[in-house]
Structure formats: C-alpha cells, structure tokens
Amino acid sequence: MNIIIFDSGLGGLTVAQAVGSALPEATLHYVADTAAFPYGDWEETALAERVCSVADTYIKRLQPDCFVVACNTASTIALEVLRERFTVPFVGTVPAVKPAAALTRSGMFSVLATPGTVRRDYTQALIDTYAFHCDVELHGCEGLADLAERKLHGETVSPAQIAHEIKPAFVERDGKRTDVVVLGCTHYPLLLNEIEAAAPWPVAVVNPADAIARRVAQVMPEQLRGASERTASVTSQTGLAFSKAIEAFGYSHTECVDVVETTA
C-alpha cells in the first residue's frame, strides 16, 4: 500500500499522522511543494496547473495507490481536474462544515481557514448545502499557517499572536455564542494546544485529519502489500531546510525532486 500525502508545506503532516495511525502498514511518502509555497499567493488557474504538475511528477515516480491532497486551498481549486486527469484515487481536504453543523448546539460555528479558502465558491457551497440553518462565521487567518510553520522550525510562538489570529472566530450575538470551531487548514492542528489555550471560551474544535484518514482507508485495497516505510520529498533545494521538522514526524529521509511542469 503506497500513499502520497501532499501539501505546499508542513501542514499536511497532521493528516499524514492520522493516515499513518489508521493504516500503520502502509508506505507513506510526504511531499511538500516548497518551490511553490505558499499556495495562497497563487492565481487559481496557475495553481491548478502547478498541482497537476506535482501530481504528474510523483504519480510517475512512485505509482501510488492513493494520492491525498492534504491542503484545503489546493483541494478547493484542483481536486476536480486531478480526478479528471488521473486514474489514481484522490482524497481531498475541505473545511469540515457538515460535521460542525451536526455538532453545534448554539447554531453558531466558525471556520478558521486561509483567506484563499474563505474566498472560494466551494467553501460557500458547503455552507449553503450543509449549514444553511446555522450562523457561520468564515474567518481568513492572515498569519496562522505561518505561525505553525515557525513552531515546527523551533521558534517561539506568542500566545498573543495566536489570540489575535483567532479572535474574530469567536462571536457572541443575540444571547448565543460560537460553540464549534473548524480548523480549515491542515497547518492549524499543529497549533491545537495553543489555539485552545488562547480561546476566549471553551469550544469544540473540529480537526479533519481523522476523517481524511478514514476516507483513505475506505479507498485502499483490503490486502496490504509489503512493509511500511516513511519517506519525504521537497521540490526545492531551499525546502531541504524543512528536513529536520519532517523527519521529526518519523520520516527516514527527505530528498529534493524537481517538478516537471505540465498543463492542467
């Protein structure tokens, strides 16, 4: 069982952890597209082309049984074209609006995401479909993903910075207040303890990683093949600076692989 787990940076490691726990005998290859990081700065068509290029390069290289797009931004933009172009099963990552709508008791929940994910029509469609009866606050965090990356690199993350980033997601209105917060970026679970400590009141925090892992298990063949391995790649020489952080999650080594540009 050979699974690629892909993100622009280190956030997808939270998904990789969950997949590794659910499928301990699977071989996991973590891909960080450091040459194109951060994805939030890209125009949509160009980003779809970039994601397809990464997928094409690694599918040819590793012949995976499943390709996990562990990035909300990439999933909301490129998941459909990936499934049209390749025969490999793709599992995407989108904000967990449906579970939050089922979990809230006040009828008020918030989605913490990147500004790009907040702007996507896909995100609004999820709300219109699954949470039309709820009061939903979409908050695009400008710096939370960067704080997560800095934490993994050993830098100190200020509680005041976390509190500033998440404050708009906590809303009180008409005698009710937010009681569920969705982590709509795979970087954010890296700061779960800090987010919970900085919250102005206790809320249920929805981390989509476990649900993604369950979906991966559903699309995988029942018969496992071979022993498990954990390897990783980055797409730029400068990205090798991520190696120590990636390998701390149990990956044996990190290599640099050039992505061959294709057209989406």
C-alpha atoms as a PDB file:
ATOM      1  CA  MET A   1       0.000   0.000   0.000  1.00  0.00           C
ATOM      2  CA  ASN A   2       1.685   3.135  -1.260  1.00  0.00           C
ATOM      3  CA  ILE A   3       0.191   6.525  -0.341  1.00  0.00           C
ATOM      4  CA  ILE A   4       1.312  10.033  -1.286  1.00  0.00           C
ATOM      5  CA  ILE A   5       0.351  12.807   1.125  1.00  0.00           C
ATOM      6  CA  PHE A   6       0.847  16.217  -0.433  1.00  0.00           C
ATOM      7  CA  ASP A   7       0.839  19.812   0.779  1.00  0.00           C
ATOM      8  CA  SER A   8       2.590  23.060  -0.067  1.00  0.00           C
ATOM      9  CA  GLY A   9       4.456  22.989   3.242  1.00  0.00           C
ATOM     10  CA  LEU A  10       4.333  21.186   6.573  1.00  0.00           C
ATOM     11  CA  GLY A  11       0.629  21.373   7.421  1.00  0.00           C
ATOM     12  CA  GLY A  12      -0.141  18.076   5.701  1.00  0.00           C
ATOM     13  CA  LEU A  13       1.977  16.309   8.315  1.00  0.00           C
ATOM     14  CA  THR A  14      -1.082  16.457  10.593  1.00  0.00           C
ATOM     15  CA  VAL A  15      -3.006  14.447   8.009  1.00  0.00           C
ATOM     16  CA  ALA A  16      -0.038  12.113   7.480  1.00  0.00           C
ATOM     17  CA  GLN A  17      -0.008  11.351  11.206  1.00  0.00           C
ATOM     18  CA  ALA A  18      -3.666  10.380  11.138  1.00  0.00           C
ATOM     19  CA  VAL A  19      -3.269   8.251   7.994  1.00  0.00           C
ATOM     20  CA  GLY A  20      -0.236   6.512   9.495  1.00  0.00           C
ATOM     21  CA  SER A  21      -2.196   5.692  12.644  1.00  0.00           C
ATOM     22  CA  ALA A  22      -5.173   4.373  10.677  1.00  0.00           C
ATOM     23  CA  LEU A  23      -3.008   2.371   8.240  1.00  0.00           C
ATOM     24  CA  PRO A  24       0.221   1.524  10.109  1.00  0.00           C
ATOM     25  CA  GLU A  25       1.354  -0.992   7.489  1.00  0.00           C
ATOM     26  CA  ALA A  26       1.098   1.476   4.604  1.00  0.00           C
ATOM     27  CA  THR A  27       4.091   3.112   2.967  1.00  0.00           C
ATOM     28  CA  LEU A  28       3.722   6.889   3.187  1.00  0.00           C
ATOM     29  CA  HIS A  29       5.547   9.418   1.061  1.00  0.00           C
ATOM     30  CA  TYR A  30       5.156  13.016   2.197  1.00  0.00           C
ATOM     31  CA  VAL A  31       5.503  15.698  -0.481  1.00  0.00           C
ATOM     32  CA  ALA A  32       5.984  19.373   0.382  1.00  0.00           C
ATOM     33  CA  ASP A  33       5.829  21.642  -2.669  1.00  0.00           C
ATOM     34  CA  THR A  34       8.288  24.111  -1.193  1.00  0.00           C
ATOM     35  CA  ALA A  35       9.171  25.573  -4.605  1.00  0.00           C
ATOM     36  CA  ALA A  36       5.628  26.970  -4.843  1.00  0.00           C
ATOM     37  CA  PHE A  37       4.953  27.728  -1.159  1.00  0.00           C
ATOM     38  CA  PRO A  38       2.706  29.457  -0.118  1.00  0.00           C
ATOM     39  CA  TYR A  39      -0.239  28.451  -2.291  1.00  0.00           C
ATOM     40  CA  GLY A  40      -2.388  31.302  -1.004  1.00  0.00           C
ATOM     41  CA  ASP A  41      -0.438  33.756  -3.155  1.00  0.00           C
ATOM     42  CA  TRP A  42      -1.248  31.948  -6.436  1.00  0.00           C
ATOM     43  CA  GLU A  43      -3.921  32.767  -9.009  1.00  0.00           C
ATOM     44  CA  GLU A  44      -6.419  29.895  -9.278  1.00  0.00           C
ATOM     45  CA  THR A  45      -5.725  28.659 -12.818  1.00  0.00           C
ATOM     46  CA  ALA A  46      -1.967  28.784 -12.303  1.00  0.00           C
ATOM     47  CA  LEU A  47      -2.285  26.914  -9.020  1.00  0.00           C
ATOM     48  CA  ALA A  48      -4.403  24.177 -10.605  1.00  0.00           C
ATOM     49  CA  GLU A  49      -1.685  23.750 -13.243  1.00  0.00           C
ATOM     50  CA  ARG A  50       1.008  23.613 -10.572  1.00  0.00           C
ATOM     51  CA  VAL A  51      -0.830  20.998  -8.504  1.00  0.00           C
ATOM     52  CA  CYS A  52      -1.358  18.852 -11.598  1.00  0.00           C
ATOM     53  CA  SER A  53       2.339  19.108 -12.386  1.00  0.00           C
ATOM     54  CA  VAL A  54       3.266  17.920  -8.899  1.00  0.00           C
ATOM     55  CA  ALA A  55       0.771  15.072  -9.118  1.00  0.00           C
ATOM     56  CA  ASP A  56       2.036  14.026 -12.549  1.00  0.00           C
ATOM     57  CA  THR A  57       5.676  14.030 -11.405  1.00  0.00           C
ATOM     58  CA  TYR A  58       5.049  11.962  -8.287  1.00  0.00           C
ATOM     59  CA  ILE A  59       2.499   9.565  -9.751  1.00  0.00           C
ATOM     60  CA  LYS A  60       5.019   8.630 -12.444  1.00  0.00           C
ATOM     61  CA  ARG A  61       7.784   8.390  -9.858  1.00  0.00           C
ATOM     62  CA  LEU A  62       6.014   6.453  -7.087  1.00  0.00           C
ATOM     63  CA  GLN A  63       2.936   4.816  -8.692  1.00  0.00           C
ATOM     64  CA  PRO A  64       0.769   5.359  -5.602  1.00  0.00           C
ATOM     65  CA  ASP A  65      -2.422   3.527  -4.696  1.00  0.00           C
ATOM     66  CA  CYS A  66      -3.844   6.771  -3.340  1.00  0.00           C
ATOM     67  CA  PHE A  67      -2.936  10.465  -3.531  1.00  0.00           C
ATOM     68  CA  VAL A  68      -4.018  12.636  -0.590  1.00  0.00           C
ATOM     69  CA  VAL A  69      -4.252  16.374  -1.235  1.00  0.00           C
ATOM     70  CA  ALA A  70      -3.674  17.486   2.360  1.00  0.00           C
ATOM     71  CA  CYS A  71      -4.288  21.162   1.610  1.00  0.00           C
ATOM     72  CA  ASN A  72      -7.629  22.959   1.671  1.00  0.00           C
ATOM     73  CA  THR A  73      -6.558  25.589  -0.849  1.00  0.00           C
ATOM     74  CA  ALA A  74      -5.308  23.049  -3.383  1.00  0.00           C
ATOM     75  CA  SER A  75      -8.328  20.800  -2.853  1.00  0.00           C
ATOM     76  CA  THR A  76     -10.922  23.518  -3.397  1.00  0.00           C
ATOM     77  CA  ILE A  77      -9.187  24.581  -6.624  1.00  0.00           C
ATOM     78  CA  ALA A  78      -7.675  21.475  -8.198  1.00  0.00           C
ATOM     79  CA  LEU A  79      -9.384  18.337  -6.900  1.00  0.00           C
ATOM     80  CA  GLU A  80     -11.888  18.101  -9.751  1.00  0.00           C
ATOM     81  CA  VAL A  81      -9.273  18.454 -12.508  1.00  0.00           C
ATOM     82  CA  LEU A  82      -6.974  15.958 -10.765  1.00  0.00           C
ATOM     83  CA  ARG A  83      -9.730  13.340 -10.765  1.00  0.00           C
ATOM     84  CA  GLU A  84     -10.471  14.029 -14.421  1.00  0.00           C
ATOM     85  CA  ARG A  85      -6.855  13.694 -15.476  1.00  0.00           C
ATOM     86  CA  PHE A  86      -5.526  10.775 -13.411  1.00  0.00           C
ATOM     87  CA  THR A  87      -6.877   7.328 -12.589  1.00  0.00           C
ATOM     88  CA  VAL A  88      -5.312   7.206  -9.113  1.00  0.00           C
ATOM     89  CA  PRO A  89      -7.874   7.746  -6.305  1.00  0.00           C
ATOM     90  CA  PHE A  90      -7.598  11.245  -4.845  1.00  0.00           C
ATOM     91  CA  VAL A  91      -8.693  12.157  -1.328  1.00  0.00           C
ATOM     92  CA  GLY A  92      -9.052  15.886  -0.744  1.00  0.00           C
ATOM     93  CA  THR A  93      -9.234  18.150   2.270  1.00  0.00           C
ATOM     94  CA  VAL A  94     -12.079  20.627   2.547  1.00  0.00           C
ATOM     95  CA  PRO A  95     -13.438  22.551   5.556  1.00  0.00           C
ATOM     96  CA  ALA A  96     -15.430  20.241   7.837  1.00  0.00           C
ATOM     97  CA  VAL A  97     -18.647  22.226   7.583  1.00  0.00           C
ATOM     98  CA  LYS A  98     -21.002  19.238   7.643  1.00  0.00           C
ATOM     99  CA  PRO A  99     -19.640  17.745  10.912  1.00  0.00           C
ATOM    100  CA  ALA A 100     -19.645  21.192  12.532  1.00  0.00           C
ATOM    101  CA  ALA A 101     -23.272  21.791  11.585  1.00  0.00           C
ATOM    102  CA  ALA A 102     -24.194  18.494  13.230  1.00  0.00           C
ATOM    103  CA  LEU A 103     -22.119  19.220  16.333  1.00  0.00           C
ATOM    104  CA  THR A 104     -23.145  22.782  17.185  1.00  0.00           C
ATOM    105  CA  ARG A 105     -25.761  23.260  19.887  1.00  0.00           C
ATOM    106  CA  SER A 106     -25.961  27.047  19.754  1.00  0.00           C
ATOM    107  CA  GLY A 107     -26.358  27.067  15.970  1.00  0.00           C
ATOM    108  CA  MET A 108     -23.234  29.216  15.715  1.00  0.00           C
ATOM    109  CA  PHE A 109     -19.909  27.887  14.486  1.00  0.00           C
ATOM    110  CA  SER A 110     -16.837  29.309  12.834  1.00  0.00           C
ATOM    111  CA  VAL A 111     -14.401  28.180  10.187  1.00  0.00           C
ATOM    112  CA  LEU A 112     -10.755  29.171  10.632  1.00  0.00           C
ATOM    113  CA  ALA A 113      -9.103  28.982   7.216  1.00  0.00           C
ATOM    114  CA  THR A 114      -6.690  30.779   4.941  1.00  0.00           C
ATOM    115  CA  PRO A 115      -8.022  33.871   3.157  1.00  0.00           C
ATOM    116  CA  GLY A 116      -7.949  31.937  -0.113  1.00  0.00           C
ATOM    117  CA  THR A 117     -10.088  29.091   1.225  1.00  0.00           C
ATOM    118  CA  VAL A 118     -12.562  31.565   2.716  1.00  0.00           C
ATOM    119  CA  ARG A 119     -12.981  33.235  -0.692  1.00  0.00           C
ATOM    120  CA  ARG A 120     -13.643  30.015  -2.610  1.00  0.00           C
ATOM    121  CA  ASP A 121     -17.119  29.371  -4.014  1.00  0.00           C
ATOM    122  CA  TYR A 122     -16.566  25.744  -2.974  1.00  0.00           C
ATOM    123  CA  THR A 123     -16.456  26.764   0.696  1.00  0.00           C
ATOM    124  CA  GLN A 124     -19.639  28.801   0.440  1.00  0.00           C
ATOM    125  CA  ALA A 125     -21.332  25.913  -1.375  1.00  0.00           C
ATOM    126  CA  LEU A 126     -20.524  23.637   1.577  1.00  0.00           C
ATOM    127  CA  ILE A 127     -22.205  26.112   3.912  1.00  0.00           C
ATOM    128  CA  ASP A 128     -25.215  26.532   1.638  1.00  0.00           C
ATOM    129  CA  THR A 129     -25.644  22.755   1.429  1.00  0.00           C
ATOM    130  CA  TYR A 130     -24.874  21.557   4.951  1.00  0.00           C
ATOM    131  CA  ALA A 131     -25.147  24.580   7.248  1.00  0.00           C
ATOM    132  CA  PHE A 132     -27.869  26.762   5.722  1.00  0.00           C
ATOM    133  CA  HIS A 133     -29.670  26.633   9.081  1.00  0.00           C
ATOM    134  CA  CYS A 134     -26.632  27.813  11.065  1.00  0.00           C
ATOM    135  CA  ASP A 135     -24.941  31.131  11.757  1.00  0.00           C
ATOM    136  CA  VAL A 136     -21.488  30.531  10.250  1.00  0.00           C
ATOM    137  CA  GLU A 137     -18.519  32.860  10.645  1.00  0.00           C
ATOM    138  CA  LEU A 138     -15.824  32.431   7.983  1.00  0.00           C
ATOM    139  CA  HIS A 139     -12.527  33.868   9.171  1.00  0.00           C
ATOM    140  CA  GLY A 140      -9.490  34.085   6.910  1.00  0.00           C
ATOM    141  CA  CYS A 141      -6.388  33.989   9.103  1.00  0.00           C
ATOM    142  CA  GLU A 142      -3.542  36.003   7.620  1.00  0.00           C
ATOM    143  CA  GLY A 143      -0.711  34.540   9.692  1.00  0.00           C
ATOM    144  CA  LEU A 144      -1.810  31.368  11.494  1.00  0.00           C
ATOM    145  CA  ALA A 145      -0.302  28.934   8.985  1.00  0.00           C
ATOM    146  CA  ASP A 146       2.992  30.826   9.135  1.00  0.00           C
ATOM    147  CA  LEU A 147       2.968  30.583  12.936  1.00  0.00           C
ATOM    148  CA  ALA A 148       2.516  26.814  12.626  1.00  0.00           C
ATOM    149  CA  GLU A 149       5.497  26.573  10.284  1.00  0.00           C
ATOM    150  CA  ARG A 150       7.587  28.679  12.652  1.00  0.00           C
ATOM    151  CA  LYS A 151       6.672  26.444  15.576  1.00  0.00           C
ATOM    152  CA  LEU A 152       7.872  23.365  13.685  1.00  0.00           C
ATOM    153  CA  HIS A 153      11.144  25.131  12.994  1.00  0.00           C
ATOM    154  CA  GLY A 154      11.636  25.561  16.736  1.00  0.00           C
ATOM    155  CA  GLU A 155      10.671  29.213  17.007  1.00  0.00           C
ATOM    156  CA  THR A 156       8.639  30.515  19.937  1.00  0.00           C
ATOM    157  CA  VAL A 157       5.020  31.287  19.100  1.00  0.00           C
ATOM    158  CA  SER A 158       3.475  34.087  21.141  1.00  0.00           C
ATOM    159  CA  PRO A 159       0.105  33.382  22.805  1.00  0.00           C
ATOM    160  CA  ALA A 160      -0.849  36.960  21.946  1.00  0.00           C
ATOM    161  CA  GLN A 161      -0.250  36.269  18.246  1.00  0.00           C
ATOM    162  CA  ILE A 162      -2.477  33.185  18.376  1.00  0.00           C
ATOM    163  CA  ALA A 163      -5.198  35.094  20.232  1.00  0.00           C
ATOM    164  CA  HIS A 164      -5.075  37.889  17.646  1.00  0.00           C
ATOM    165  CA  GLU A 165      -5.425  35.438  14.747  1.00  0.00           C
ATOM    166  CA  ILE A 166      -8.397  33.519  16.150  1.00  0.00           C
ATOM    167  CA  LYS A 167     -10.337  36.287  17.935  1.00  0.00           C
ATOM    168  CA  PRO A 168     -12.758  37.040  15.033  1.00  0.00           C
ATOM    169  CA  ALA A 169     -13.881  33.395  15.031  1.00  0.00           C
ATOM    170  CA  PHE A 170     -15.423  33.779  18.489  1.00  0.00           C
ATOM    171  CA  VAL A 171     -18.738  35.542  18.120  1.00  0.00           C
ATOM    172  CA  GLU A 172     -21.439  36.467  20.645  1.00  0.00           C
ATOM    173  CA  ARG A 173     -24.790  37.534  19.222  1.00  0.00           C
ATOM    174  CA  ASP A 174     -28.408  37.580  20.437  1.00  0.00           C
ATOM    175  CA  GLY A 175     -27.587  35.694  23.621  1.00  0.00           C
ATOM    176  CA  LYS A 176     -25.719  32.945  21.756  1.00  0.00           C
ATOM    177  CA  ARG A 177     -22.083  32.371  21.004  1.00  0.00           C
ATOM    178  CA  THR A 178     -19.791  30.229  18.900  1.00  0.00           C
ATOM    179  CA  ASP A 179     -19.513  26.723  20.304  1.00  0.00           C
ATOM    180  CA  VAL A 180     -17.660  24.921  17.467  1.00  0.00           C
ATOM    181  CA  VAL A 181     -14.561  25.987  15.546  1.00  0.00           C
ATOM    182  CA  VAL A 182     -13.486  24.182  12.369  1.00  0.00           C
ATOM    183  CA  LEU A 183      -9.773  24.036  11.593  1.00  0.00           C
ATOM    184  CA  GLY A 184      -9.970  24.711   7.863  1.00  0.00           C
ATOM    185  CA  CYS A 185      -6.251  24.462   7.129  1.00  0.00           C
ATOM    186  CA  THR A 186      -4.076  21.411   7.747  1.00  0.00           C
ATOM    187  CA  HIS A 187      -1.433  23.634   9.368  1.00  0.00           C
ATOM    188  CA  TYR A 188      -3.741  24.647  12.186  1.00  0.00           C
ATOM    189  CA  PRO A 189      -3.806  21.344  14.141  1.00  0.00           C
ATOM    190  CA  LEU A 190      -0.072  21.880  14.670  1.00  0.00           C
ATOM    191  CA  LEU A 191      -1.192  24.724  16.952  1.00  0.00           C
ATOM    192  CA  LEU A 192      -4.145  22.926  18.547  1.00  0.00           C
ATOM    193  CA  ASN A 193      -2.918  23.306  22.134  1.00  0.00           C
ATOM    194  CA  GLU A 194      -2.097  26.976  21.566  1.00  0.00           C
ATOM    195  CA  ILE A 195      -5.473  27.646  19.951  1.00  0.00           C
ATOM    196  CA  GLU A 196      -7.365  26.001  22.794  1.00  0.00           C
ATOM    197  CA  ALA A 197      -5.333  27.945  25.368  1.00  0.00           C
ATOM    198  CA  ALA A 198      -5.951  31.266  23.582  1.00  0.00           C
ATOM    199  CA  ALA A 199      -9.696  30.726  23.050  1.00  0.00           C
ATOM    200  CA  PRO A 200     -11.809  33.272  24.972  1.00  0.00           C
ATOM    201  CA  TRP A 201     -14.172  30.458  25.965  1.00  0.00           C
ATOM    202  CA  PRO A 202     -14.193  26.655  25.501  1.00  0.00           C
ATOM    203  CA  VAL A 203     -15.401  25.343  22.136  1.00  0.00           C
ATOM    204  CA  ALA A 204     -15.408  22.022  20.332  1.00  0.00           C
ATOM    205  CA  VAL A 205     -12.565  22.070  17.799  1.00  0.00           C
ATOM    206  CA  VAL A 206     -13.092  20.041  14.620  1.00  0.00           C
ATOM    207  CA  ASN A 207      -9.840  18.643  13.212  1.00  0.00           C
ATOM    208  CA  PRO A 208     -10.496  16.979   9.836  1.00  0.00           C
ATOM    209  CA  ALA A 209      -7.376  14.773   9.879  1.00  0.00           C
ATOM    210  CA  ASP A 210      -9.082  11.690  11.335  1.00  0.00           C
ATOM    211  CA  ALA A 211     -11.953  11.904   8.856  1.00  0.00           C
ATOM    212  CA  ILE A 212      -9.469  12.150   5.979  1.00  0.00           C
ATOM    213  CA  ALA A 213      -7.640   9.086   7.288  1.00  0.00           C
ATOM    214  CA  ARG A 214     -10.895   7.125   7.419  1.00  0.00           C
ATOM    215  CA  ARG A 215     -11.625   8.090   3.822  1.00  0.00           C
ATOM    216  CA  VAL A 216      -8.150   6.955   2.734  1.00  0.00           C
ATOM    217  CA  ALA A 217      -8.753   3.604   4.433  1.00  0.00           C
ATOM    218  CA  GLN A 218     -12.033   3.255   2.524  1.00  0.00           C
ATOM    219  CA  VAL A 219     -10.426   3.691  -0.902  1.00  0.00           C
ATOM    220  CA  MET A 220      -7.425   1.477  -0.195  1.00  0.00           C
ATOM    221  CA  PRO A 221      -7.254  -2.201  -1.198  1.00  0.00           C
ATOM    222  CA  GLU A 222      -8.034  -4.529   1.695  1.00  0.00           C
ATOM    223  CA  GLN A 223      -4.888  -6.576   1.123  1.00  0.00           C
ATOM    224  CA  LEU A 224      -1.795  -4.795   2.375  1.00  0.00           C
ATOM    225  CA  ARG A 225       1.398  -5.196   0.394  1.00  0.00           C
ATOM    226  CA  GLY A 226       4.893  -5.081   1.866  1.00  0.00           C
ATOM    227  CA  ALA A 227       6.342  -3.413   4.918  1.00  0.00           C
ATOM    228  CA  SER A 228       5.692   0.180   5.899  1.00  0.00           C
ATOM    229  CA  GLU A 229       8.109   2.971   5.060  1.00  0.00           C
ATOM    230  CA  ARG A 230       8.082   6.710   5.672  1.00  0.00           C
ATOM    231  CA  THR A 231       9.912   8.876   3.144  1.00  0.00           C
ATOM    232  CA  ALA A 232       9.573  12.513   2.141  1.00  0.00           C
ATOM    233  CA  SER A 233      10.332  14.954  -0.667  1.00  0.00           C
ATOM    234  CA  VAL A 234      10.537  18.693  -1.151  1.00  0.00           C
ATOM    235  CA  THR A 235      10.511  20.440  -4.517  1.00  0.00           C
ATOM    236  CA  SER A 236      13.301  22.967  -3.966  1.00  0.00           C
ATOM    237  CA  GLN A 237      16.800  22.951  -2.537  1.00  0.00           C
ATOM    238  CA  THR A 238      15.793  25.640  -0.061  1.00  0.00           C
ATOM    239  CA  GLY A 239      12.984  23.349   1.051  1.00  0.00           C
ATOM    240  CA  LEU A 240      15.566  20.961   2.469  1.00  0.00           C
ATOM    241  CA  ALA A 241      15.545  23.300   5.463  1.00  0.00           C
ATOM    242  CA  PHE A 242      12.240  21.558   6.275  1.00  0.00           C
ATOM    243  CA  SER A 243      14.011  18.192   6.556  1.00  0.00           C
ATOM    244  CA  LYS A 244      14.545  18.216  10.306  1.00  0.00           C
ATOM    245  CA  ALA A 245      10.916  19.112  11.012  1.00  0.00           C
ATOM    246  CA  ILE A 246       9.599  16.486   8.575  1.00  0.00           C
ATOM    247  CA  GLU A 247      11.858  13.749   9.875  1.00  0.00           C
ATOM    248  CA  ALA A 248      10.733  14.522  13.445  1.00  0.00           C
ATOM    249  CA  PHE A 249       7.377  13.060  12.357  1.00  0.00           C
ATOM    250  CA  GLY A 250       9.033   9.696  11.672  1.00  0.00           C
ATOM    251  CA  TYR A 251      10.238  10.086   8.087  1.00  0.00           C
ATOM    252  CA  SER A 252      13.551   8.368   7.399  1.00  0.00           C
ATOM    253  CA  HIS A 253      14.952  10.911   4.955  1.00  0.00           C
ATOM    254  CA  THR A 254      13.985  13.885   2.807  1.00  0.00           C
ATOM    255  CA  GLU A 255      15.042  14.328  -0.818  1.00  0.00           C
ATOM    256  CA  CYS A 256      14.661  17.132  -3.338  1.00  0.00           C
ATOM    257  CA  VAL A 257      12.730  16.313  -6.522  1.00  0.00           C
ATOM    258  CA  ASP A 258      12.278  18.727  -9.413  1.00  0.00           C
ATOM    259  CA  VAL A 259       8.698  19.027 -10.642  1.00  0.00           C
ATOM    260  CA  VAL A 260       8.196  18.774 -14.408  1.00  0.00           C
ATOM    261  CA  GLU A 261       5.715  21.455 -15.428  1.00  0.00           C
ATOM    262  CA  THR A 262       2.644  20.247 -17.332  1.00  0.00           C
ATOM    263  CA  THR A 263      -0.673  21.843 -18.295  1.00  0.00           C
ATOM    264  CA  ALA A 264      -3.789  21.283 -16.197  1.00  0.00           C
END
